[in-house]
Amino acid sequence: MAAELRIAELEKALDEARETACADPLTGALNRRGFDKASQRELARARRSGARFALAHIDLDDFKRLNDTLGHHAGDKALVHLVGLLQQSMRPADVLCRFGGEEFVLMLPDTVLEDAAAAVSRFLSEFSAQAIPGTDCVMTFSAGVVLPGLDESIDDAIVRADAATYAAKRAGKNCVVTC
């Protein structure tokens, strides 16, 4: 009986360690490791069923200026605020990853390009309508949205989404560009 209890405790600790290893400690969004697992499952599902999914690359606008002006604590609050808003607005099947720094990737299963762009535009409107908690600062983001090809790698699709994000930055920021 004691051995079974100990095994159950160890299994629970292992599950918690696995979850922690796949999550960004600041925001709670998936990290790249967690996203790689989720995106490979979604890509395999899409290839089997023919269902399409969209990827959005999101980059906070003028994040460095926020950190330089108000400090890294305010930057952290902005990241947490964005993730909280996205998680409230996302569907349960959607997957959010903190890709690095102030960059995020959002995977939207069973979603065509136009609907994905509309959803990300709605997220942008919601985010830019609220001040970062504890500040009077309002932020925006730029995003690129793509529909990965069934024969395309996730990495290649993210490169295309990143390029669309840069196009959004060049277009004046605070917008969503599809590719």
Protein backbone atom coordinates (compact mmCIF):
# COMPACT_ATOMS: atom_id res chain seq x y z
CA MET A 1 0.00 0.00 0.00
CA ALA A 2 2.79 2.44 0.87
CA ALA A 3 4.56 1.60 -2.40
CA GLU A 4 1.40 2.30 -4.42
CA LEU A 5 0.96 5.63 -2.67
CA ARG A 6 4.58 6.54 -3.37
CA ILE A 7 4.19 5.55 -7.04
CA ALA A 8 1.10 7.76 -7.33
CA GLU A 9 3.01 10.68 -5.78
CA LEU A 10 5.91 10.19 -8.18
CA GLU A 11 3.57 9.98 -11.19
CA LYS A 12 1.90 13.22 -10.12
CA ALA A 13 5.31 14.92 -9.70
CA LEU A 14 6.36 13.64 -13.13
CA ASP A 15 3.18 15.01 -14.73
CA GLU A 16 3.78 18.40 -13.09
CA ALA A 17 7.40 18.42 -14.27
CA ARG A 18 6.31 17.62 -17.84
CA GLU A 19 3.77 20.44 -17.75
CA THR A 20 6.32 22.89 -16.36
CA ALA A 21 8.87 21.90 -19.00
CA CYS A 22 6.44 22.90 -21.75
CA ALA A 23 5.20 26.21 -20.34
CA ASP A 24 6.65 29.71 -20.24
CA PRO A 25 7.10 30.51 -16.53
CA LEU A 26 6.08 34.18 -16.85
CA THR A 27 2.96 33.98 -19.00
CA GLY A 28 1.83 30.37 -18.68
CA ALA A 29 1.63 30.07 -22.47
CA LEU A 30 3.36 27.13 -24.07
CA ASN A 31 7.07 27.49 -24.70
CA ARG A 32 8.66 26.28 -27.92
CA ARG A 33 8.99 22.72 -26.64
CA GLY A 34 5.30 22.58 -25.81
CA PHE A 35 4.35 24.24 -29.07
CA ASP A 36 6.49 21.83 -31.11
CA LYS A 37 4.57 18.90 -29.64
CA ALA A 38 1.17 20.52 -30.16
CA SER A 39 1.91 21.75 -33.67
CA GLN A 40 3.27 18.39 -34.82
CA ARG A 41 0.07 16.72 -33.57
CA GLU A 42 -2.04 19.31 -35.39
CA LEU A 43 -0.03 18.99 -38.59
CA ALA A 44 -0.37 15.18 -38.50
CA ARG A 45 -4.13 15.54 -37.92
CA ALA A 46 -4.42 17.99 -40.79
CA ARG A 47 -2.52 15.68 -43.12
CA ARG A 48 -4.75 12.73 -42.16
CA SER A 49 -8.06 14.56 -42.39
CA GLY A 50 -7.34 17.37 -44.83
CA ALA A 51 -8.53 19.89 -42.23
CA ARG A 52 -6.69 23.18 -42.44
CA PHE A 53 -5.30 25.31 -39.65
CA ALA A 54 -3.93 28.81 -39.45
CA LEU A 55 -0.85 30.17 -37.72
CA ALA A 56 -0.54 33.74 -36.48
CA HIS A 57 2.76 35.34 -35.49
CA ILE A 58 2.17 38.19 -33.02
CA ASP A 59 4.80 40.77 -32.05
CA LEU A 60 4.14 43.55 -29.54
CA ASP A 61 4.74 46.99 -31.03
CA ASP A 62 7.35 49.24 -29.41
CA PHE A 63 8.04 46.74 -26.63
CA LYS A 64 11.64 47.89 -26.19
CA ARG A 65 10.44 51.45 -25.67
CA LEU A 66 8.02 50.25 -22.97
CA ASN A 67 10.85 48.43 -21.17
CA ASP A 68 13.19 51.41 -21.53
CA THR A 69 10.56 53.90 -20.34
CA LEU A 70 8.65 52.05 -17.63
CA GLY A 71 11.01 49.18 -16.83
CA HIS A 72 11.02 45.45 -17.35
CA HIS A 73 8.33 44.94 -14.73
CA ALA A 74 5.90 46.87 -16.95
CA GLY A 75 7.07 44.82 -19.93
CA ASP A 76 6.35 41.64 -18.00
CA LYS A 77 2.88 42.97 -17.15
CA ALA A 78 2.26 43.67 -20.84
CA LEU A 79 3.20 40.11 -21.79
CA VAL A 80 1.02 38.62 -19.07
CA HIS A 81 -1.85 40.95 -20.03
CA LEU A 82 -1.65 39.93 -23.70
CA VAL A 83 -1.60 36.23 -22.88
CA GLY A 84 -4.50 36.60 -20.46
CA LEU A 85 -6.58 38.41 -23.04
CA LEU A 86 -5.74 35.89 -25.76
CA GLN A 87 -6.54 32.94 -23.52
CA GLN A 88 -9.91 34.46 -22.62
CA SER A 89 -10.74 34.97 -26.29
CA MET A 90 -9.30 31.78 -27.79
CA ARG A 91 -11.27 28.64 -28.43
CA PRO A 92 -10.31 25.59 -26.34
CA ALA A 93 -8.62 23.94 -29.34
CA ASP A 94 -6.44 26.98 -30.13
CA VAL A 95 -2.80 26.85 -29.01
CA LEU A 96 -0.74 29.82 -27.82
CA CYS A 97 3.05 29.84 -27.56
CA ARG A 98 5.48 32.44 -26.30
CA PHE A 99 7.92 32.13 -29.13
CA GLY A 100 10.54 34.47 -27.73
CA GLY A 101 10.75 37.84 -26.01
CA GLU A 102 7.61 39.70 -27.07
CA GLU A 103 6.74 37.28 -29.90
CA PHE A 104 3.92 34.76 -29.80
CA VAL A 105 2.58 32.14 -32.17
CA LEU A 106 -1.09 31.24 -32.17
CA MET A 107 -2.33 28.07 -33.86
CA LEU A 108 -5.98 28.05 -34.87
CA PRO A 109 -7.19 24.54 -35.87
CA ASP A 110 -10.00 24.11 -38.38
CA THR A 111 -9.73 27.75 -39.42
CA VAL A 112 -9.45 29.29 -42.86
CA LEU A 113 -7.16 32.26 -43.48
CA GLU A 114 -9.89 34.92 -43.55
CA ASP A 115 -11.45 33.74 -40.28
CA ALA A 116 -8.05 33.55 -38.59
CA ALA A 117 -7.19 37.09 -39.70
CA ALA A 118 -10.56 38.32 -38.43
CA ALA A 119 -10.02 36.62 -35.05
CA VAL A 120 -6.51 38.06 -34.66
CA SER A 121 -7.82 41.51 -35.66
CA ARG A 122 -10.47 41.18 -32.96
CA PHE A 123 -7.78 40.20 -30.42
CA LEU A 124 -5.78 43.27 -31.49
CA SER A 125 -8.79 45.56 -30.98
CA GLU A 126 -9.45 44.10 -27.54
CA PHE A 127 -5.79 44.36 -26.51
CA SER A 128 -5.30 47.92 -27.73
CA ALA A 129 -8.48 49.08 -25.98
CA GLN A 130 -7.12 48.33 -22.50
CA ALA A 131 -4.22 49.85 -20.59
CA ILE A 132 -1.55 47.52 -19.32
CA PRO A 133 -2.49 46.79 -15.68
CA GLY A 134 -0.76 49.12 -13.26
CA THR A 135 0.06 51.63 -16.00
CA ASP A 136 -1.73 54.14 -18.19
CA CYS A 137 0.08 52.70 -21.19
CA VAL A 138 -1.88 51.21 -24.08
CA MET A 139 -0.05 48.90 -26.45
CA THR A 140 -0.68 47.35 -29.83
CA PHE A 141 0.74 44.45 -31.75
CA SER A 142 1.48 43.56 -35.33
CA ALA A 143 0.60 40.13 -36.65
CA GLY A 144 1.11 37.93 -39.66
CA VAL A 145 -1.35 35.14 -40.42
CA VAL A 146 -0.73 32.19 -42.75
CA LEU A 147 -2.41 28.96 -43.72
CA PRO A 148 0.31 26.29 -43.70
CA GLY A 149 0.39 23.97 -46.66
CA LEU A 150 -0.13 20.32 -45.83
CA ASP A 151 3.31 19.57 -47.27
CA GLU A 152 4.93 22.55 -45.48
CA SER A 153 6.84 22.27 -42.21
CA ILE A 154 5.65 24.21 -39.20
CA ASP A 155 9.00 26.04 -39.15
CA ASP A 156 8.56 27.17 -42.76
CA ALA A 157 5.00 28.34 -42.05
CA ILE A 158 6.24 30.33 -39.04
CA VAL A 159 8.93 31.93 -41.22
CA ARG A 160 6.18 33.06 -43.62
CA ALA A 161 4.04 34.33 -40.71
CA ASP A 162 7.05 36.22 -39.33
CA ALA A 163 7.61 37.83 -42.75
CA ALA A 164 3.95 38.91 -42.78
CA THR A 165 4.44 40.39 -39.30
CA TYR A 166 7.37 42.44 -40.59
CA ALA A 167 5.13 43.61 -43.43
CA ALA A 168 2.60 44.72 -40.80
CA LYS A 169 5.37 46.61 -38.97
CA ARG A 170 6.40 48.33 -42.21
CA ALA A 171 2.75 49.21 -42.88
CA GLY A 172 2.68 51.26 -39.68
CA LYS A 173 2.22 48.61 -36.97
CA ASN A 174 -1.05 47.90 -35.14
CA CYS A 175 -2.39 45.70 -37.93
CA VAL A 176 -2.75 42.15 -39.23
CA VAL A 177 -1.29 41.03 -42.57
CA THR A 178 -2.06 37.73 -44.28
CA CYS A 179 0.26 35.78 -46.51
